[in-house]
Protein backbone atom coordinates (compact mmCIF):
# COMPACT_ATOMS: atom_id res chain seq x y z
CA UNK A 1 0.00 0.00 0.00
CA UNK A 2 2.83 2.39 0.85
CA UNK A 3 5.41 0.82 -1.46
CA UNK A 4 5.23 3.77 -3.83
CA UNK A 5 6.85 6.03 -1.22
CA UNK A 6 10.59 6.72 -1.47
CA UNK A 7 12.75 5.09 1.19
CA UNK A 8 13.58 8.36 2.97
CA UNK A 9 9.88 8.80 3.71
CA UNK A 10 8.86 5.16 4.09
CA UNK A 11 11.57 4.25 6.62
CA UNK A 12 10.69 6.83 9.32
CA UNK A 13 6.98 6.13 8.78
CA UNK A 14 7.40 2.37 9.34
CA UNK A 15 9.68 2.99 12.34
CA UNK A 16 7.07 5.32 13.86
CA UNK A 17 4.31 2.73 13.36
CA UNK A 18 6.43 -0.06 14.86
CA UNK A 19 7.30 2.11 17.87
CA UNK A 20 3.64 3.04 18.32
CA UNK A 21 2.71 -0.65 18.26
CA UNK A 22 5.32 -1.41 20.92
CA UNK A 23 4.14 1.50 23.07
CA UNK A 24 0.46 0.55 22.88
CA UNK A 25 0.81 -3.22 23.32
CA UNK A 26 3.68 -2.91 25.79
CA UNK A 27 1.72 -0.36 27.79
CA UNK A 28 -1.32 -2.64 27.84
CA UNK A 29 0.78 -5.58 29.09
CA UNK A 30 2.20 -3.34 31.83
CA UNK A 31 -1.28 -2.19 32.89
CA UNK A 32 -2.53 -5.79 32.99
CA UNK A 33 0.50 -6.84 35.00
CA UNK A 34 -0.53 -4.68 37.94
CA UNK A 35 -3.74 -6.59 38.87
CA UNK A 36 -1.83 -9.83 38.37
CA UNK A 37 0.77 -8.62 40.86
CA UNK A 38 -1.75 -7.32 43.38
CA UNK A 39 -4.10 -10.33 43.39
CA UNK A 40 -2.01 -13.46 44.16
CA UNK A 41 -4.74 -15.96 43.28
CA UNK A 42 -3.44 -18.71 40.93
CA UNK A 43 -6.58 -18.94 38.78
CA UNK A 44 -6.71 -15.15 38.43
CA UNK A 45 -3.03 -14.93 37.55
CA UNK A 46 -3.34 -17.65 34.90
CA UNK A 47 -6.31 -15.82 33.38
CA UNK A 48 -4.36 -12.56 33.27
CA UNK A 49 -1.41 -14.31 31.66
CA UNK A 50 -3.65 -15.71 28.93
CA UNK A 51 -5.07 -12.25 28.31
CA UNK A 52 -1.58 -10.77 28.02
CA UNK A 53 -0.60 -13.58 25.64
CA UNK A 54 -3.38 -12.41 23.33
CA UNK A 55 -1.99 -8.88 23.50
CA UNK A 56 1.45 -10.15 22.49
CA UNK A 57 -0.05 -12.15 19.62
CA UNK A 58 -1.85 -8.99 18.48
CA UNK A 59 1.46 -7.11 18.69
CA UNK A 60 3.16 -9.71 16.47
CA UNK A 61 0.36 -9.67 13.87
CA UNK A 62 0.31 -5.86 13.80
CA UNK A 63 4.08 -5.86 13.25
CA UNK A 64 3.65 -8.07 10.19
CA UNK A 65 0.83 -5.86 8.95
CA UNK A 66 2.97 -2.73 9.31
CA UNK A 67 5.87 -4.27 7.41
CA UNK A 68 3.52 -5.47 4.66
CA UNK A 69 2.43 -1.88 4.15
CA UNK A 70 5.85 -1.11 2.74
CA UNK A 71 6.97 -4.43 1.28
CA UNK A 72 5.63 -7.08 -1.08
CA UNK A 73 7.30 -10.10 0.51
CA UNK A 74 7.23 -13.69 -0.72
CA UNK A 75 7.01 -15.94 2.35
CA UNK A 76 8.44 -19.45 2.18
CA UNK A 77 7.60 -21.18 5.48
CA UNK A 78 8.35 -24.89 5.74
CA UNK A 79 7.97 -27.55 8.41
CA UNK A 80 5.10 -26.29 10.56
CA UNK A 81 2.84 -29.25 9.77
CA UNK A 82 2.20 -31.39 12.83
CA UNK A 83 3.06 -28.63 15.32
CA UNK A 84 0.40 -27.17 17.59
CA UNK A 85 -0.24 -24.53 20.25
CA UNK A 86 -0.63 -27.02 23.08
CA UNK A 87 2.87 -28.52 22.97
CA UNK A 88 6.22 -27.34 24.31
CA UNK A 89 9.10 -26.47 21.98
CA UNK A 90 12.70 -25.37 22.30
CA UNK A 91 13.55 -23.32 19.23
CA UNK A 92 17.16 -22.82 18.18
CA UNK A 93 17.65 -20.42 15.28
CA UNK A 94 20.37 -18.60 13.42
CA UNK A 95 20.35 -14.83 13.91
CA UNK A 96 20.58 -12.32 11.06
CA UNK A 97 18.61 -9.21 12.01
CA UNK A 98 16.21 -7.56 14.47
CA UNK A 99 13.59 -8.70 11.97
CA UNK A 100 14.13 -12.30 13.16
CA UNK A 101 12.06 -11.61 16.29
CA UNK A 102 9.17 -10.22 14.25
CA UNK A 103 9.31 -13.19 11.88
CA UNK A 104 9.46 -15.85 14.60
CA UNK A 105 6.62 -14.30 16.59
CA UNK A 106 4.67 -13.95 13.35
CA UNK A 107 4.90 -17.61 12.31
CA UNK A 108 4.02 -18.66 15.86
CA UNK A 109 0.66 -16.90 15.59
CA UNK A 110 -1.22 -19.80 14.07
CA UNK A 111 0.89 -22.90 14.66
CA UNK A 112 2.99 -22.60 17.80
CA UNK A 113 2.57 -21.65 21.45
CA UNK A 114 3.65 -18.13 22.35
CA UNK A 115 7.42 -17.58 22.07
CA UNK A 116 9.29 -16.73 25.24
CA UNK A 117 12.93 -16.03 26.12
CA UNK A 118 15.14 -16.90 29.03
CA UNK A 119 16.20 -13.64 30.67
CA UNK A 120 19.04 -12.76 32.98
CA UNK A 121 17.88 -12.54 36.58
CA UNK A 122 19.15 -8.95 36.85
CA UNK A 123 16.51 -7.79 34.32
CA UNK A 124 13.81 -8.56 36.87
CA UNK A 125 14.75 -5.32 38.67
CA UNK A 126 14.63 -3.05 35.61
CA UNK A 127 11.67 -0.64 36.02
CA UNK A 128 8.63 -1.48 33.87
CA UNK A 129 10.51 -4.05 31.79
CA UNK A 130 11.07 -6.39 34.73
CA UNK A 131 7.44 -6.30 35.83
CA UNK A 132 6.16 -6.81 32.29
CA UNK A 133 8.43 -9.81 31.69
CA UNK A 134 7.50 -11.26 35.08
CA UNK A 135 3.82 -10.85 34.26
CA UNK A 136 4.33 -12.73 30.99
CA UNK A 137 5.98 -15.54 32.98
CA UNK A 138 9.27 -15.14 31.16
CA UNK A 139 11.68 -17.39 33.07
CA UNK A 140 14.51 -15.50 34.76
CA UNK A 141 17.62 -17.59 35.14
CA UNK A 142 20.79 -17.46 37.19
CA UNK A 143 24.05 -18.70 35.74
CA UNK A 144 27.01 -19.35 38.04
CA UNK A 145 30.44 -19.14 36.47
CA UNK A 146 33.10 -21.81 36.95
CA UNK A 147 35.11 -19.39 39.06
CA UNK A 148 32.14 -18.66 41.30
CA UNK A 149 31.44 -22.36 41.79
CA UNK A 150 35.05 -23.01 42.78
CA UNK A 151 34.64 -20.48 45.61
CA UNK A 152 31.10 -21.64 46.46
CA UNK A 153 30.92 -25.37 45.65
CA UNK A 154 27.65 -25.73 47.58
CA UNK A 155 25.98 -23.67 44.83
CA UNK A 156 26.64 -26.32 42.16
CA UNK A 157 23.38 -27.23 40.45
CA UNK A 158 21.45 -24.48 42.25
CA UNK A 159 21.26 -22.35 39.09
CA UNK A 160 19.54 -25.15 37.18
CA UNK A 161 17.19 -25.76 40.12
CA UNK A 162 16.29 -22.06 40.24
CA UNK A 163 15.67 -21.97 36.49
CA UNK A 164 13.51 -25.11 36.67
CA UNK A 165 11.51 -23.50 39.48
CA UNK A 166 11.02 -20.35 37.38
CA UNK A 167 9.81 -22.49 34.47
CA UNK A 168 7.33 -24.27 36.73
CA UNK A 169 5.14 -21.17 36.55
CA UNK A 170 4.65 -21.93 32.86
CA UNK A 171 3.19 -25.41 33.34
CA UNK A 172 -0.27 -24.06 32.47
CA UNK A 173 1.05 -22.01 29.53
CA UNK A 174 2.72 -24.05 26.75
CA UNK A 175 5.56 -22.04 25.25
CA UNK A 176 8.15 -21.90 22.50
CA UNK A 177 11.46 -21.05 24.17
CA UNK A 178 13.68 -19.23 21.66
CA UNK A 179 17.47 -19.47 21.72
CA UNK A 180 19.69 -17.68 19.20
CA UNK A 181 22.56 -20.13 19.49
CA UNK A 182 25.19 -17.94 17.82
CA UNK A 183 24.76 -15.36 20.57
CA UNK A 184 24.77 -12.41 18.18
CA UNK A 185 23.73 -11.47 14.66
CA UNK A 186 25.69 -12.93 11.78
CA UNK A 187 27.84 -10.62 9.65
CA UNK A 188 30.68 -11.40 7.27
CA UNK A 189 33.04 -9.44 9.52
CA UNK A 190 32.08 -11.44 12.63
CA UNK A 191 32.47 -14.66 10.67
CA UNK A 192 36.07 -13.78 9.83
CA UNK A 193 36.82 -12.47 13.33
CA UNK A 194 35.56 -15.67 14.97
CA UNK A 195 37.27 -17.84 12.39
CA UNK A 196 33.98 -19.61 11.75
CA UNK A 197 34.19 -22.97 9.96
CA UNK A 198 30.79 -22.23 8.43
CA UNK A 199 30.08 -20.19 5.33
CA UNK A 200 26.80 -18.61 6.44
CA UNK A 201 26.87 -18.97 10.22
CA UNK A 202 28.84 -18.10 13.32
CA UNK A 203 30.04 -20.96 15.55
CA UNK A 204 27.19 -22.10 17.84
CA UNK A 205 27.46 -21.53 21.58
CA UNK A 206 26.46 -24.77 23.24
CA UNK A 207 26.31 -23.73 26.90
CA UNK A 208 23.02 -21.79 26.79
CA UNK A 209 20.96 -24.38 24.97
CA UNK A 210 22.52 -27.21 27.00
CA UNK A 211 21.58 -25.33 30.18
CA UNK A 212 17.99 -24.92 28.92
CA UNK A 213 17.70 -28.64 28.16
CA UNK A 214 19.13 -29.50 31.58
CA UNK A 215 16.63 -27.25 33.34
CA UNK A 216 13.47 -28.25 31.48
CA UNK A 217 14.35 -30.84 28.84
CA UNK A 218 11.66 -33.26 30.01
CA UNK A 219 9.07 -30.55 29.43
CA UNK A 220 9.81 -30.10 25.72
CA UNK A 221 7.97 -32.15 23.12
CA UNK A 222 10.35 -31.20 20.31
CA UNK A 223 13.46 -29.18 19.54
CA UNK A 224 12.74 -26.90 16.57
CA UNK A 225 15.83 -26.24 14.48
CA UNK A 226 14.88 -23.07 12.57
CA UNK A 227 16.83 -21.76 9.59
CA UNK A 228 16.14 -18.11 8.70
CA UNK A 229 17.13 -16.52 5.40
CA UNK A 230 16.34 -13.33 3.51
CA UNK A 231 17.51 -14.09 -0.06
CA UNK A 232 18.60 -11.02 -1.97
CA UNK A 233 18.94 -8.87 1.15
CA UNK A 234 22.03 -10.38 2.77
CA UNK A 235 23.89 -7.80 4.83
CA UNK A 236 21.17 -5.15 4.54
CA UNK A 237 18.04 -6.84 5.89
CA UNK A 238 16.98 -4.09 8.28
CA UNK A 239 17.50 -1.37 5.70
CA UNK A 240 15.61 -3.28 3.00
CA UNK A 241 12.55 -3.97 5.17
CA UNK A 242 12.29 -0.29 6.12
CA UNK A 243 12.76 1.02 2.57
CA UNK A 244 10.37 -1.37 0.84
CA UNK A 245 13.03 -3.51 -0.83
CA UNK A 246 12.68 -6.81 1.04
CA UNK A 247 11.39 -9.44 -1.38
CA UNK A 248 11.77 -12.87 0.18
CA UNK A 249 11.69 -14.48 3.65
CA UNK A 250 12.51 -18.16 4.18
CA UNK A 251 11.70 -19.94 7.46
CA UNK A 252 12.68 -23.62 7.46
CA UNK A 253 11.57 -25.53 10.58
CA UNK A 254 12.90 -29.01 11.36
CA UNK A 255 11.33 -30.76 14.36
CA UNK A 256 13.78 -32.96 16.30
CA UNK A 257 13.08 -35.50 19.00
CA UNK A 258 14.16 -34.65 22.56
CA UNK A 259 16.32 -37.69 23.32
CA UNK A 260 18.31 -38.55 26.47
CA UNK A 261 21.50 -37.98 24.48
CA UNK A 262 20.98 -34.20 24.51
CA UNK A 263 20.01 -33.84 28.18
CA UNK A 264 22.80 -33.96 30.73
CA UNK A 265 25.30 -32.12 32.92
CA UNK A 266 27.09 -29.93 30.38
CA UNK A 267 29.17 -28.16 33.01
CA UNK A 268 30.18 -31.17 35.09
CA UNK A 269 30.35 -34.09 32.66
CA UNK A 270 33.23 -33.78 30.20
CA UNK A 271 32.06 -36.66 28.04
CA UNK A 272 28.51 -35.29 27.76
CA UNK A 273 29.89 -31.82 26.95
CA UNK A 274 31.95 -33.25 24.08
CA UNK A 275 29.00 -35.26 22.81
CA UNK A 276 26.59 -32.31 22.99
CA UNK A 277 28.99 -30.00 21.18
CA UNK A 278 29.33 -32.61 18.44
CA UNK A 279 25.55 -32.87 18.11
CA UNK A 280 25.13 -29.09 17.90
CA UNK A 281 27.98 -28.68 15.41
CA UNK A 282 26.45 -31.35 13.18
CA UNK A 283 23.15 -29.44 13.26
CA UNK A 284 25.01 -26.27 12.30
CA UNK A 285 26.72 -28.02 9.38
CA UNK A 286 23.29 -29.13 8.20
CA UNK A 287 21.94 -25.59 8.61
CA UNK A 288 24.90 -24.11 6.72
CA UNK A 289 24.22 -26.46 3.79
CA UNK A 290 20.54 -25.40 3.83
CA UNK A 291 21.50 -21.72 3.68
CA UNK A 292 23.86 -22.40 0.78
CA UNK A 293 21.04 -24.15 -1.09
CA UNK A 294 18.61 -21.31 -0.40
CA UNK A 295 21.15 -18.80 -1.72
CA UNK A 296 21.81 -20.82 -4.87
CA UNK A 297 18.10 -21.20 -5.55
CA UNK A 298 17.49 -17.47 -5.11
CA UNK A 299 20.37 -16.64 -7.44
CA UNK A 300 18.98 -19.00 -10.07
CA UNK A 301 15.56 -17.33 -9.87
CA UNK A 302 17.15 -13.88 -10.31
CA UNK A 303 19.17 -15.06 -13.32
CA UNK A 304 16.08 -16.54 -14.98
CA UNK A 305 14.16 -13.32 -14.40
CA UNK A 306 16.96 -11.28 -15.97
CA UNK A 307 17.08 -13.59 -19.00
CA UNK A 308 13.33 -13.25 -19.55
CA UNK A 309 13.53 -9.47 -19.33
């Protein structure tokens, strides 16, 4: 609808609409969090959480609507068949842009339970943000470093226990726990700096996802290995979506069984740590090959279009 506008006008307009959406939906979640905080009745709190989940779903759908105003995007979403809103999923995805969050929340709207993130415990005390995340039952986790545990050996395992306890609040609210395993957004410069063995990915960080599986692995029905790609917009995804130039979004979802081989003591069992890292690296090799194939296919489509023109 607004694709006719030049980028210098379209970009600030889309940014303003996205910010307004965050302010309205975020403000509504904050307002709803107050009665949840003040009335400590389990049934009431669960009802308020469900209401806030609908607000977040509305936020995600409005985000997609805003971005569609300025872009004619071809969506290629694969692998959602057989997934449902009443199951528990651990989602591990590659990370390319701030748009990833919008995309993942968007595809969850009809097929998956509401996405949630593990948050550092310190964020609980951030004004407004902490209360809103608490109200949404986002699990806050503590992570003790190796150095800390050497000085306080009695704390070993307590971080996982605390995280499991925080997740217990979600037992009535099936969730998709998102983990960006690379730890940061992929760029060609970061790939070189980290000496990545992958062509389209940064090396995966195993500790976070291993910790999640240790804390609540028995709760998950599947691990969702998600491959995100924006063919034709590599390296400029955020700019393209705001200036009306984004053409293609690929979301490839592969559902994996939660087996005993991927649940264990990553920080205390050397053999399990080696095995888990091998499993995750093999998944990343598979993902890298997928991204290469997506890129080759997109290039072929562009070449055919140029030949026809």
